Amino acid sequence: MKIARVIGTTISTIKDEKVRGRKLLIVRQSDARGVKKAGSAFVAVDLVDAGQGDLVLIGEGSSARQTDLTKDCPVDAVIVGVLDSLHVDGEAYYLKTADNWGAE
């Protein structure tokens, strides 16, 4: 799994039948502390009702197709968790508060 931040949303009215009804969010991978951007933005299927600015856990590749909702679906990335806090080497780097919402 990877840590990423939700930076936007997207809507696709024409898509594969197996992903109809799924929320698609734009995410960008973060470093291990959830602070620095790492890599390009990409689209992930949201399985946990994440929102703008949330720090999330991403499953990619064949792992993205192992959930009950995405089994045999043409997806490459899924949001499988929303982080409430992030501690690295005993230091707190992220705590979800109203101040984080909408952050990029």
C-alpha atoms as a PDB file:
ATOM      1  CA  MET A   1       0.000   0.000   0.000  1.00  0.00           C
ATOM      2  CA  LYS A   2       0.985   3.603  -0.529  1.00  0.00           C
ATOM      3  CA  ILE A   3       0.132   6.857   1.231  1.00  0.00           C
ATOM      4  CA  ALA A   4      -1.505   9.505  -0.948  1.00  0.00           C
ATOM      5  CA  ARG A   5      -3.498  12.711  -0.589  1.00  0.00           C
ATOM      6  CA  VAL A   6      -6.837  13.301  -2.313  1.00  0.00           C
ATOM      7  CA  ILE A   7      -6.354  16.381  -4.474  1.00  0.00           C
ATOM      8  CA  GLY A   8      -9.493  16.358  -6.603  1.00  0.00           C
ATOM      9  CA  THR A   9     -12.492  14.582  -8.046  1.00  0.00           C
ATOM     10  CA  THR A  10     -13.483  13.447 -11.489  1.00  0.00           C
ATOM     11  CA  ILE A  11     -16.703  12.411 -13.159  1.00  0.00           C
ATOM     12  CA  SER A  12     -16.945   9.958 -16.025  1.00  0.00           C
ATOM     13  CA  THR A  13     -20.398   9.397 -17.468  1.00  0.00           C
ATOM     14  CA  ILE A  14     -19.147   6.878 -20.017  1.00  0.00           C
ATOM     15  CA  LYS A  15     -17.127   4.033 -18.487  1.00  0.00           C
ATOM     16  CA  ASP A  16     -16.891   0.277 -18.205  1.00  0.00           C
ATOM     17  CA  GLU A  17     -20.052  -1.249 -16.742  1.00  0.00           C
ATOM     18  CA  LYS A  18     -18.069  -2.820 -13.879  1.00  0.00           C
ATOM     19  CA  VAL A  19     -17.026   0.573 -12.482  1.00  0.00           C
ATOM     20  CA  ARG A  20     -20.394   2.310 -12.818  1.00  0.00           C
ATOM     21  CA  GLY A  21     -21.552   3.847  -9.553  1.00  0.00           C
ATOM     22  CA  ARG A  22     -18.010   4.105  -8.153  1.00  0.00           C
ATOM     23  CA  LYS A  23     -16.600   7.445  -6.996  1.00  0.00           C
ATOM     24  CA  LEU A  24     -13.368   8.359  -8.773  1.00  0.00           C
ATOM     25  CA  LEU A  25     -10.901  10.609  -6.938  1.00  0.00           C
ATOM     26  CA  ILE A  26      -7.656  12.198  -8.064  1.00  0.00           C
ATOM     27  CA  VAL A  27      -4.797  11.408  -5.687  1.00  0.00           C
ATOM     28  CA  ARG A  28      -1.076  12.109  -5.512  1.00  0.00           C
ATOM     29  CA  GLN A  29       1.324   9.830  -3.678  1.00  0.00           C
ATOM     30  CA  SER A  30       2.957  11.339  -0.583  1.00  0.00           C
ATOM     31  CA  ASP A  31       6.198  10.533   1.197  1.00  0.00           C
ATOM     32  CA  ALA A  32       6.174   8.251   4.259  1.00  0.00           C
ATOM     33  CA  ARG A  33       5.365  11.216   6.490  1.00  0.00           C
ATOM     34  CA  GLY A  34       2.427  12.335   4.345  1.00  0.00           C
ATOM     35  CA  VAL A  35       4.057  15.709   3.800  1.00  0.00           C
ATOM     36  CA  LYS A  36       5.852  15.900   0.444  1.00  0.00           C
ATOM     37  CA  LYS A  37       4.349  15.124  -2.950  1.00  0.00           C
ATOM     38  CA  ALA A  38       5.850  12.080  -4.625  1.00  0.00           C
ATOM     39  CA  GLY A  39       5.014  11.386  -8.243  1.00  0.00           C
ATOM     40  CA  SER A  40       2.239  12.304 -10.615  1.00  0.00           C
ATOM     41  CA  ALA A  41      -1.454  12.540  -9.890  1.00  0.00           C
ATOM     42  CA  PHE A  42      -3.618   9.542 -10.776  1.00  0.00           C
ATOM     43  CA  VAL A  43      -7.218   8.382 -10.438  1.00  0.00           C
ATOM     44  CA  ALA A  44      -8.271   5.860  -7.794  1.00  0.00           C
ATOM     45  CA  VAL A  45     -11.621   4.208  -7.134  1.00  0.00           C
ATOM     46  CA  ASP A  46     -12.862   5.315  -3.708  1.00  0.00           C
ATOM     47  CA  LEU A  47     -14.118   2.408  -1.587  1.00  0.00           C
ATOM     48  CA  VAL A  48     -14.259   4.230   1.771  1.00  0.00           C
ATOM     49  CA  ASP A  49     -15.901   7.627   1.149  1.00  0.00           C
ATOM     50  CA  ALA A  50     -12.690   9.671   1.235  1.00  0.00           C
ATOM     51  CA  GLY A  51     -12.784  13.384   0.507  1.00  0.00           C
ATOM     52  CA  GLN A  52     -10.760  16.361  -0.657  1.00  0.00           C
ATOM     53  CA  GLY A  53      -7.564  16.773   1.373  1.00  0.00           C
ATOM     54  CA  ASP A  54      -7.743  13.369   3.090  1.00  0.00           C
ATOM     55  CA  LEU A  55      -4.582  11.341   3.519  1.00  0.00           C
ATOM     56  CA  VAL A  56      -5.449   7.855   2.273  1.00  0.00           C
ATOM     57  CA  LEU A  57      -4.100   4.343   1.788  1.00  0.00           C
ATOM     58  CA  ILE A  58      -3.907   3.161  -1.813  1.00  0.00           C
ATOM     59  CA  GLY A  59      -3.840  -0.381  -3.167  1.00  0.00           C
ATOM     60  CA  GLU A  60      -2.490  -0.718  -6.699  1.00  0.00           C
ATOM     61  CA  GLY A  61      -2.149  -3.220  -9.510  1.00  0.00           C
ATOM     62  CA  SER A  62      -3.546  -6.703  -8.976  1.00  0.00           C
ATOM     63  CA  SER A  63      -4.205  -5.830  -5.306  1.00  0.00           C
ATOM     64  CA  ALA A  64      -6.684  -3.183  -6.480  1.00  0.00           C
ATOM     65  CA  ARG A  65      -8.787  -5.981  -7.961  1.00  0.00           C
ATOM     66  CA  GLN A  66      -8.898  -8.095  -4.786  1.00  0.00           C
ATOM     67  CA  THR A  67     -11.672  -6.249  -2.911  1.00  0.00           C
ATOM     68  CA  ASP A  68     -15.290  -7.416  -2.922  1.00  0.00           C
ATOM     69  CA  LEU A  69     -16.275  -4.265  -4.850  1.00  0.00           C
ATOM     70  CA  THR A  70     -13.522  -4.364  -7.486  1.00  0.00           C
ATOM     71  CA  LYS A  71     -13.065  -8.078  -8.130  1.00  0.00           C
ATOM     72  CA  ASP A  72     -12.523  -8.594 -11.866  1.00  0.00           C
ATOM     73  CA  CYS A  73     -12.912  -4.844 -12.537  1.00  0.00           C
ATOM     74  CA  PRO A  74     -10.583  -2.896 -14.849  1.00  0.00           C
ATOM     75  CA  VAL A  75      -9.064  -0.755 -12.065  1.00  0.00           C
ATOM     76  CA  ASP A  76      -5.428  -0.123 -11.190  1.00  0.00           C
ATOM     77  CA  ALA A  77      -5.773   1.882  -7.957  1.00  0.00           C
ATOM     78  CA  VAL A  78      -8.251   1.863  -5.065  1.00  0.00           C
ATOM     79  CA  ILE A  79      -8.574   3.892  -1.897  1.00  0.00           C
ATOM     80  CA  VAL A  80      -8.883   1.340   0.902  1.00  0.00           C
ATOM     81  CA  GLY A  81      -8.502   3.551   3.984  1.00  0.00           C
ATOM     82  CA  VAL A  82      -8.592   7.124   5.275  1.00  0.00           C
ATOM     83  CA  LEU A  83      -5.811   7.923   7.742  1.00  0.00           C
ATOM     84  CA  ASP A  84      -6.751   9.536  11.050  1.00  0.00           C
ATOM     85  CA  SER A  85      -3.135   9.997  12.128  1.00  0.00           C
ATOM     86  CA  LEU A  86       0.368   9.218  10.942  1.00  0.00           C
ATOM     87  CA  HIS A  87       3.345   8.660  13.235  1.00  0.00           C
ATOM     88  CA  VAL A  88       6.853   7.898  11.946  1.00  0.00           C
ATOM     89  CA  ASP A  89       9.788   7.086  14.227  1.00  0.00           C
ATOM     90  CA  GLY A  90       7.784   8.210  17.249  1.00  0.00           C
ATOM     91  CA  GLU A  91       6.874  11.600  15.768  1.00  0.00           C
ATOM     92  CA  ALA A  92       3.370  12.654  14.778  1.00  0.00           C
ATOM     93  CA  TYR A  93       3.279  13.990  11.220  1.00  0.00           C
ATOM     94  CA  TYR A  94      -0.441  14.016  10.527  1.00  0.00           C
ATOM     95  CA  LEU A  95      -3.578  14.291  12.605  1.00  0.00           C
ATOM     96  CA  LYS A  96      -6.862  14.625  10.759  1.00  0.00           C
ATOM     97  CA  THR A  97      -8.582  17.850  11.783  1.00  0.00           C
ATOM     98  CA  ALA A  98     -10.874  20.351  10.128  1.00  0.00           C
ATOM     99  CA  ASP A  99      -7.712  22.366   9.300  1.00  0.00           C
ATOM    100  CA  ASN A 100      -6.464  19.546   6.994  1.00  0.00           C
ATOM    101  CA  TRP A 101      -9.580  19.445   4.845  1.00  0.00           C
ATOM    102  CA  GLY A 102      -8.913  20.741   1.376  1.00  0.00           C
ATOM    103  CA  ALA A 103      -5.134  20.742   1.898  1.00  0.00           C
ATOM    104  CA  GLU A 104      -2.913  19.690  -0.977  1.00  0.00           C
END
